[in-house]
């Protein structure tokens, strides 16, 4: 049977069949970070405990941008799986790439939360609830699957060497924490009784699942820094990923305390509120310590020639979770210090998002970001 349609002379046509889309071959799951980092600008802005003229409108615009970005990345990733299944499977088996599959869950959850927080200004409250419920369900299922599947692959296939722990390992583990933080938005939308309490406690269970898993990984990451020195220059921004579970867990306990009075019995309501402060304040303190350490290492890396890579999106979503965490503490403590902390972190978030977004667009237009990845440049000697 002929491969090419025959011409009148019996020879195949000169033009070959169009090749597969090469731009999608190296489009990995890390691209969901662009959606997460954009959506959190909207949700964190809506959570700020101060009134800024025009901020609400700006958040609506950014939310719409995140929704478009989610649609585009979902379509591109679907094309990646259909056209380049060998590469997609290779990503799952690559210990450096596989943890980024947790970003799908967080992208869905972040856009869903933004829809209910600010998107309802455009599409109305009933539609916003429906969209958030759909994205929350899909994101939670994807997050729980990643929280099991990626560690399983690490155990049976990846087998990372001792002393190679990376902050990227946190990505599939923090996804259920994002569900715990945004799930309370849907609690008041459910009928009083069993449904509300079940969702509240399910979010609390996901908070514990993610928190305990994080407490296993973070010490490994710090031990790796102490014993092996700074990560390669291109991976230095991933140090900000440690802020994700810290800020998101603080956000979660505060959000759960906000909706507890209408969802659970009186003996537990006050406990939810007290725990939000007793847990959130010390964790936020550690988050600020880690932020200072990460900034210092990023400055060091930039002085040694760190260029732009997609890891720069690590500067966005984790910082955004600290904004919402600080805003929640401001609500429950009434302290102006947490209000101004949230504002300062939000300014850092917007700056990081603008820089990462501009550099990403430049890399897309040039084709550099969709090319085959280059070998990582090693870090310089620690003693220099």
Protein backbone atom coordinates (compact mmCIF):
# COMPACT_ATOMS: atom_id res chain seq x y z
CA UNK A 1 0.00 0.00 0.00
CA UNK A 2 1.47 3.35 -1.00
CA UNK A 3 2.44 5.77 1.72
CA UNK A 4 2.01 8.84 -0.50
CA UNK A 5 -0.86 9.52 -2.89
CA UNK A 6 0.32 8.86 -6.42
CA UNK A 7 0.57 11.53 -9.11
CA UNK A 8 -0.24 10.94 -12.76
CA UNK A 9 3.37 9.87 -13.40
CA UNK A 10 3.30 7.40 -10.54
CA UNK A 11 5.74 9.30 -8.29
CA UNK A 12 4.95 10.71 -4.89
CA UNK A 13 4.45 14.46 -4.50
CA UNK A 14 7.51 16.50 -3.61
CA UNK A 15 6.03 18.07 -0.46
CA UNK A 16 6.19 15.79 2.60
CA UNK A 17 3.42 15.40 5.12
CA UNK A 18 3.34 18.32 7.58
CA UNK A 19 5.36 17.50 10.71
CA UNK A 20 3.98 17.48 14.24
CA UNK A 21 3.90 20.76 16.06
CA UNK A 22 7.47 21.07 17.38
CA UNK A 23 6.55 23.94 19.74
CA UNK A 24 4.52 21.59 21.95
CA UNK A 25 7.12 18.85 22.37
CA UNK A 26 8.94 20.50 25.26
CA UNK A 27 5.90 22.21 26.81
CA UNK A 28 5.94 20.67 30.27
CA UNK A 29 3.54 20.82 33.22
CA UNK A 30 5.56 23.72 34.66
CA UNK A 31 3.60 26.01 32.32
CA UNK A 32 0.63 25.75 34.69
CA UNK A 33 2.71 27.96 37.01
CA UNK A 34 1.94 30.91 34.71
CA UNK A 35 -1.76 30.37 35.41
CA UNK A 36 -1.21 30.00 39.15
CA UNK A 37 0.97 33.09 39.35
CA UNK A 38 -1.54 35.18 37.41
CA UNK A 39 -4.63 33.99 39.28
CA UNK A 40 -3.08 34.63 42.69
CA UNK A 41 -2.56 38.29 41.81
CA UNK A 42 -6.35 38.57 41.56
CA UNK A 43 -7.23 36.51 44.64
CA UNK A 44 -4.56 38.12 46.82
CA UNK A 45 -5.66 41.58 45.71
CA UNK A 46 -9.26 40.77 46.64
CA UNK A 47 -8.11 39.56 50.07
CA UNK A 48 -6.14 42.70 50.99
CA UNK A 49 -7.55 44.27 54.18
CA UNK A 50 -7.26 47.79 52.74
CA UNK A 51 -9.27 49.68 50.14
CA UNK A 52 -7.33 50.77 47.08
CA UNK A 53 -9.27 52.66 44.38
CA UNK A 54 -9.37 50.68 41.16
CA UNK A 55 -7.85 47.54 42.67
CA UNK A 56 -11.06 45.52 42.38
CA UNK A 57 -11.35 46.31 38.67
CA UNK A 58 -7.70 45.43 38.12
CA UNK A 59 -8.22 42.11 39.91
CA UNK A 60 -11.16 41.30 37.64
CA UNK A 61 -8.99 41.96 34.58
CA UNK A 62 -6.18 39.78 35.92
CA UNK A 63 -8.65 37.02 36.80
CA UNK A 64 -9.98 37.09 33.22
CA UNK A 65 -6.39 36.87 31.97
CA UNK A 66 -5.76 33.85 34.21
CA UNK A 67 -8.91 32.15 32.90
CA UNK A 68 -7.74 32.65 29.32
CA UNK A 69 -4.26 31.42 30.24
CA UNK A 70 -5.75 28.30 31.86
CA UNK A 71 -7.74 27.53 28.70
CA UNK A 72 -4.68 27.99 26.48
CA UNK A 73 -2.35 25.91 28.65
CA UNK A 74 -4.92 23.13 29.06
CA UNK A 75 -5.32 22.97 25.28
CA UNK A 76 -1.56 23.06 24.72
CA UNK A 77 -0.94 20.31 27.27
CA UNK A 78 -3.67 18.19 25.68
CA UNK A 79 -1.92 18.66 22.35
CA UNK A 80 1.36 17.71 23.99
CA UNK A 81 -0.10 14.42 25.22
CA UNK A 82 -1.74 13.63 21.88
CA UNK A 83 1.19 14.52 19.63
CA UNK A 84 4.19 13.75 21.83
CA UNK A 85 3.20 10.91 24.13
CA UNK A 86 6.77 9.67 24.33
CA UNK A 87 7.89 13.01 25.73
CA UNK A 88 4.88 13.21 28.06
CA UNK A 89 5.78 9.81 29.52
CA UNK A 90 9.40 10.88 29.77
CA UNK A 91 8.30 13.89 31.84
CA UNK A 92 6.55 11.57 34.29
CA UNK A 93 9.68 9.49 34.65
CA UNK A 94 11.99 12.49 34.99
CA UNK A 95 12.46 13.28 38.71
CA UNK A 96 13.12 16.93 37.87
CA UNK A 97 9.89 17.38 35.88
CA UNK A 98 7.39 14.95 37.42
CA UNK A 99 6.63 17.04 40.56
CA UNK A 100 5.37 19.86 38.32
CA UNK A 101 2.32 17.73 37.52
CA UNK A 102 0.95 19.02 40.82
CA UNK A 103 0.66 22.45 39.20
CA UNK A 104 -2.38 21.37 37.16
CA UNK A 105 -4.41 21.03 40.34
CA UNK A 106 -3.29 24.38 41.72
CA UNK A 107 -4.00 26.17 38.44
CA UNK A 108 -7.58 24.85 38.40
CA UNK A 109 -8.10 25.73 42.06
CA UNK A 110 -6.61 29.21 41.77
CA UNK A 111 -8.74 30.19 38.78
CA UNK A 112 -11.83 28.70 40.45
CA UNK A 113 -11.26 30.71 43.61
CA UNK A 114 -10.70 33.86 41.57
CA UNK A 115 -13.97 33.24 39.75
CA UNK A 116 -15.94 33.25 42.99
CA UNK A 117 -13.99 36.10 44.59
CA UNK A 118 -13.89 38.60 41.71
CA UNK A 119 -15.17 36.88 38.57
CA UNK A 120 -18.74 37.06 39.83
CA UNK A 121 -18.61 40.78 39.07
CA UNK A 122 -18.66 39.75 35.40
CA UNK A 123 -20.58 36.48 35.19
CA UNK A 124 -22.83 36.77 38.24
CA UNK A 125 -22.87 34.90 41.53
CA UNK A 126 -24.73 31.70 40.48
CA UNK A 127 -22.47 31.13 37.49
CA UNK A 128 -19.37 31.89 39.56
CA UNK A 129 -20.41 29.30 42.16
CA UNK A 130 -20.97 26.71 39.44
CA UNK A 131 -17.59 27.39 37.82
CA UNK A 132 -15.76 27.33 41.15
CA UNK A 133 -17.49 24.09 42.18
CA UNK A 134 -16.44 22.46 38.91
CA UNK A 135 -12.84 23.66 39.08
CA UNK A 136 -12.58 22.91 42.81
CA UNK A 137 -13.76 19.34 42.27
CA UNK A 138 -11.45 18.76 39.31
CA UNK A 139 -8.52 20.46 41.01
CA UNK A 140 -8.97 18.55 44.26
CA UNK A 141 -9.17 15.18 42.50
CA UNK A 142 -6.09 16.03 40.42
CA UNK A 143 -4.24 17.27 43.51
CA UNK A 144 -4.96 14.19 45.60
CA UNK A 145 -3.94 11.97 42.68
CA UNK A 146 -0.66 13.86 42.25
CA UNK A 147 0.02 13.76 46.00
CA UNK A 148 -0.02 9.96 45.81
CA UNK A 149 1.25 9.26 42.28
CA UNK A 150 4.35 11.47 42.27
CA UNK A 151 5.76 10.19 45.60
CA UNK A 152 4.99 6.66 44.39
CA UNK A 153 7.04 7.28 41.23
CA UNK A 154 9.82 8.76 43.34
CA UNK A 155 9.94 5.57 45.41
CA UNK A 156 9.68 2.94 42.67
CA UNK A 157 11.09 4.67 39.55
CA UNK A 158 12.93 7.92 40.24
CA UNK A 159 15.01 6.80 43.22
CA UNK A 160 16.67 10.20 43.83
CA UNK A 161 20.11 10.06 45.39
CA UNK A 162 20.63 11.17 49.01
CA UNK A 163 21.25 14.88 49.36
CA UNK A 164 19.36 15.83 46.19
CA UNK A 165 16.12 17.06 47.77
CA UNK A 166 14.59 19.96 45.87
CA UNK A 167 11.85 22.46 46.77
CA UNK A 168 10.12 21.23 43.60
CA UNK A 169 9.25 18.07 45.55
CA UNK A 170 6.72 20.17 47.45
CA UNK A 171 4.56 20.90 44.40
CA UNK A 172 2.40 17.75 44.41
CA UNK A 173 2.22 17.81 48.21
CA UNK A 174 1.02 21.39 48.54
CA UNK A 175 -1.84 20.93 46.05
CA UNK A 176 -4.25 19.51 48.69
CA UNK A 177 -3.37 22.50 50.89
CA UNK A 178 -4.61 24.80 48.14
CA UNK A 179 -7.88 22.84 48.18
CA UNK A 180 -8.04 23.33 51.94
CA UNK A 181 -7.54 27.08 51.49
CA UNK A 182 -10.06 27.70 48.71
CA UNK A 183 -12.64 25.07 49.65
CA UNK A 184 -14.08 27.23 52.46
CA UNK A 185 -15.34 29.67 49.80
CA UNK A 186 -17.90 27.03 48.83
CA UNK A 187 -18.94 26.07 52.37
CA UNK A 188 -21.56 28.85 52.73
CA UNK A 189 -22.99 27.91 49.32
CA UNK A 190 -24.04 24.48 50.60
CA UNK A 191 -27.20 23.74 52.53
CA UNK A 192 -26.77 23.91 56.33
CA UNK A 193 -26.12 20.59 58.02
CA UNK A 194 -24.17 17.56 56.91
CA UNK A 195 -23.02 18.97 53.57
CA UNK A 196 -21.41 22.07 55.06
CA UNK A 197 -19.74 20.20 57.89
CA UNK A 198 -18.48 17.48 55.56
CA UNK A 199 -16.82 19.99 53.24
CA UNK A 200 -15.35 21.92 56.17
CA UNK A 201 -13.82 18.82 57.73
CA UNK A 202 -12.68 17.50 54.34
CA UNK A 203 -10.75 20.73 53.86
CA UNK A 204 -9.32 20.33 57.34
CA UNK A 205 -8.25 16.77 56.52
CA UNK A 206 -6.49 17.99 53.36
CA UNK A 207 -4.79 20.65 55.46
CA UNK A 208 -3.38 17.92 57.71
CA UNK A 209 -2.46 15.67 54.78
CA UNK A 210 -0.44 18.40 53.11
CA UNK A 211 1.05 19.84 56.29
CA UNK A 212 2.45 16.55 57.57
CA UNK A 213 3.86 15.66 54.14
CA UNK A 214 5.48 19.10 53.95
CA UNK A 215 7.07 18.63 57.37
CA UNK A 216 8.85 15.58 55.94
CA UNK A 217 10.24 17.37 52.86
CA UNK A 218 11.25 20.83 54.10
CA UNK A 219 13.96 19.52 56.49
CA UNK A 220 15.42 17.55 53.56
CA UNK A 221 15.53 20.70 51.46
CA UNK A 222 17.29 22.69 54.16
CA UNK A 223 19.74 19.84 54.82
CA UNK A 224 20.55 19.74 51.12
CA UNK A 225 21.33 23.48 51.15
CA UNK A 226 23.53 23.19 54.22
CA UNK A 227 25.47 20.11 53.08
CA UNK A 228 25.55 20.61 49.30
CA UNK A 229 25.46 24.40 48.97
CA UNK A 230 23.20 26.56 46.79
CA UNK A 231 21.28 24.94 43.93
CA UNK A 232 22.23 25.53 40.28
CA UNK A 233 21.68 29.15 39.27
CA UNK A 234 18.59 28.44 37.16
CA UNK A 235 16.94 26.56 40.05
CA UNK A 236 17.60 29.18 42.74
CA UNK A 237 14.10 30.73 42.35
CA UNK A 238 12.59 27.37 43.33
CA UNK A 239 13.62 28.13 46.91
CA UNK A 240 10.55 30.39 47.01
CA UNK A 241 8.38 27.28 46.64
CA UNK A 242 8.87 26.54 50.33
CA UNK A 243 6.77 29.63 51.02
CA UNK A 244 3.83 27.93 49.32
CA UNK A 245 2.84 25.45 52.03
CA UNK A 246 3.68 28.01 54.74
CA UNK A 247 1.53 30.81 53.35
CA UNK A 248 -1.19 28.48 52.05
CA UNK A 249 -1.56 26.66 55.36
CA UNK A 250 -1.87 29.99 57.17
CA UNK A 251 -4.50 31.03 54.64
CA UNK A 252 -6.33 27.73 55.09
CA UNK A 253 -6.67 27.90 58.88
CA UNK A 254 -7.94 31.47 58.67
CA UNK A 255 -10.42 30.67 55.89
CA UNK A 256 -11.66 27.64 57.79
CA UNK A 257 -12.11 29.74 60.93
CA UNK A 258 -14.15 32.28 58.94
CA UNK A 259 -16.76 29.72 57.82
CA UNK A 260 -16.73 27.43 60.87
CA UNK A 261 -19.56 29.25 62.74
CA UNK A 262 -22.12 28.27 60.10
CA UNK A 263 -20.85 24.77 59.50
CA UNK A 264 -19.94 23.09 62.79
CA UNK A 265 -21.15 22.96 66.37
CA UNK A 266 -20.43 25.65 68.96
CA UNK A 267 -17.82 23.73 70.99
CA UNK A 268 -15.48 23.69 68.00
CA UNK A 269 -16.05 27.16 66.53
CA UNK A 270 -13.86 28.97 69.05
CA UNK A 271 -11.16 26.31 68.62
CA UNK A 272 -11.04 26.99 64.88
CA UNK A 273 -10.57 30.70 65.54
CA UNK A 274 -7.92 30.21 68.21
CA UNK A 275 -5.98 27.73 66.09
CA UNK A 276 -5.94 30.16 63.17
CA UNK A 277 -3.91 32.60 65.27
CA UNK A 278 -1.87 30.12 67.31
CA UNK A 279 -0.78 28.30 64.16
CA UNK A 280 -0.70 31.16 61.69
CA UNK A 281 1.49 33.63 63.57
CA UNK A 282 4.53 31.37 64.15
CA UNK A 283 4.28 29.87 60.66
CA UNK A 284 4.17 33.33 59.14
CA UNK A 285 7.26 34.16 61.17
CA UNK A 286 9.09 31.18 59.67
CA UNK A 287 7.84 32.17 56.21
CA UNK A 288 9.45 35.59 56.60
CA UNK A 289 12.70 33.94 57.70
CA UNK A 290 12.66 31.69 54.63
CA UNK A 291 11.76 34.64 52.41
CA UNK A 292 14.80 36.56 53.64
CA UNK A 293 17.07 33.54 53.09
CA UNK A 294 15.66 32.95 49.61
CA UNK A 295 16.03 36.59 48.60
CA UNK A 296 19.66 36.55 49.73
CA UNK A 297 20.39 33.43 47.68
CA UNK A 298 18.59 34.85 44.63
CA UNK A 299 20.64 38.06 44.83
CA UNK A 300 23.77 35.92 45.06
CA UNK A 301 22.69 33.91 42.01
CA UNK A 302 21.92 37.04 39.98
CA UNK A 303 25.37 38.41 40.72
CA UNK A 304 26.76 35.18 39.30
CA UNK A 305 24.79 35.44 36.07
CA UNK A 306 21.40 33.83 36.73
CA UNK A 307 19.26 34.41 33.65
CA UNK A 308 15.53 34.16 33.12
CA UNK A 309 13.91 30.72 33.10
CA UNK A 310 10.40 29.53 33.83
CA UNK A 311 11.49 28.97 37.44
CA UNK A 312 11.02 32.72 37.92
CA UNK A 313 7.28 32.00 38.24
CA UNK A 314 8.24 30.57 41.61
CA UNK A 315 8.44 34.19 42.77
CA UNK A 316 4.66 34.62 42.28
CA UNK A 317 2.24 32.03 43.66
CA UNK A 318 4.15 31.26 46.88
CA UNK A 319 4.40 34.96 47.71
CA UNK A 320 0.70 35.32 46.92
CA UNK A 321 -0.15 32.66 49.50
CA UNK A 322 1.76 34.69 52.08
CA UNK A 323 -0.31 37.74 51.14
CA UNK A 324 -3.57 35.89 51.79
CA UNK A 325 -2.12 34.36 54.95
CA UNK A 326 -1.11 37.77 56.33
CA UNK A 327 -4.51 39.20 55.35
CA UNK A 328 -6.23 36.40 57.26
CA UNK A 329 -4.15 37.10 60.35
CA UNK A 330 -5.00 40.78 60.05
CA UNK A 331 -8.71 39.86 60.13
CA UNK A 332 -8.41 37.61 63.17
CA UNK A 333 -5.96 39.65 65.24
CA UNK A 334 -6.90 43.18 64.22
CA UNK A 335 -3.21 44.12 64.13
CA UNK A 336 -2.18 46.79 61.64
CA UNK A 337 1.22 45.10 61.38
CA UNK A 338 -0.31 42.18 59.49
CA UNK A 339 -2.25 44.57 57.27
CA UNK A 340 0.90 46.35 56.17
CA UNK A 341 2.74 43.07 55.84
CA UNK A 342 0.05 41.90 53.42
CA UNK A 343 0.34 45.15 51.45
CA UNK A 344 4.14 44.94 51.26
CA UNK A 345 4.04 41.31 50.13
CA UNK A 346 1.40 42.16 47.54
CA UNK A 347 3.63 44.87 46.10
CA UNK A 348 6.40 42.25 45.85
CA UNK A 349 3.98 39.82 44.20
CA UNK A 350 2.80 42.30 41.56
CA UNK A 351 6.38 43.26 40.74
CA UNK A 352 7.45 39.63 40.40
CA UNK A 353 4.41 38.81 38.26
CA UNK A 354 5.01 41.76 35.93
CA UNK A 355 8.67 40.83 35.44
CA UNK A 356 8.02 37.10 34.98
CA UNK A 357 5.11 37.78 32.64
CA UNK A 358 7.06 40.20 30.46
CA UNK A 359 10.06 37.89 30.23
CA UNK A 360 7.81 34.91 29.43
CA UNK A 361 6.10 36.75 26.58
CA UNK A 362 9.51 37.71 25.23
CA UNK A 363 10.67 34.10 25.43
CA UNK A 364 7.53 32.89 23.67
CA UNK A 365 7.89 35.32 20.79
CA UNK A 366 11.55 34.42 20.38
CA UNK A 367 10.85 30.69 20.65
CA UNK A 368 13.48 30.23 23.35
CA UNK A 369 11.08 28.96 26.01
CA UNK A 370 9.65 26.22 23.78
CA UNK A 371 13.03 24.92 22.64
CA UNK A 372 14.68 21.82 24.05
CA UNK A 373 15.99 22.46 27.58
CA UNK A 374 19.65 23.20 28.05
CA UNK A 375 21.88 21.61 30.70
CA UNK A 376 21.77 23.45 34.02
CA UNK A 377 24.65 25.75 34.86
CA UNK A 378 26.19 24.58 38.13
CA UNK A 379 26.39 26.86 41.14
CA UNK A 380 29.69 28.42 42.04
CA UNK A 381 31.80 27.14 44.93
CA UNK A 382 30.26 27.93 48.31
CA UNK A 383 33.32 29.58 49.72
CA UNK A 384 33.44 32.35 47.07
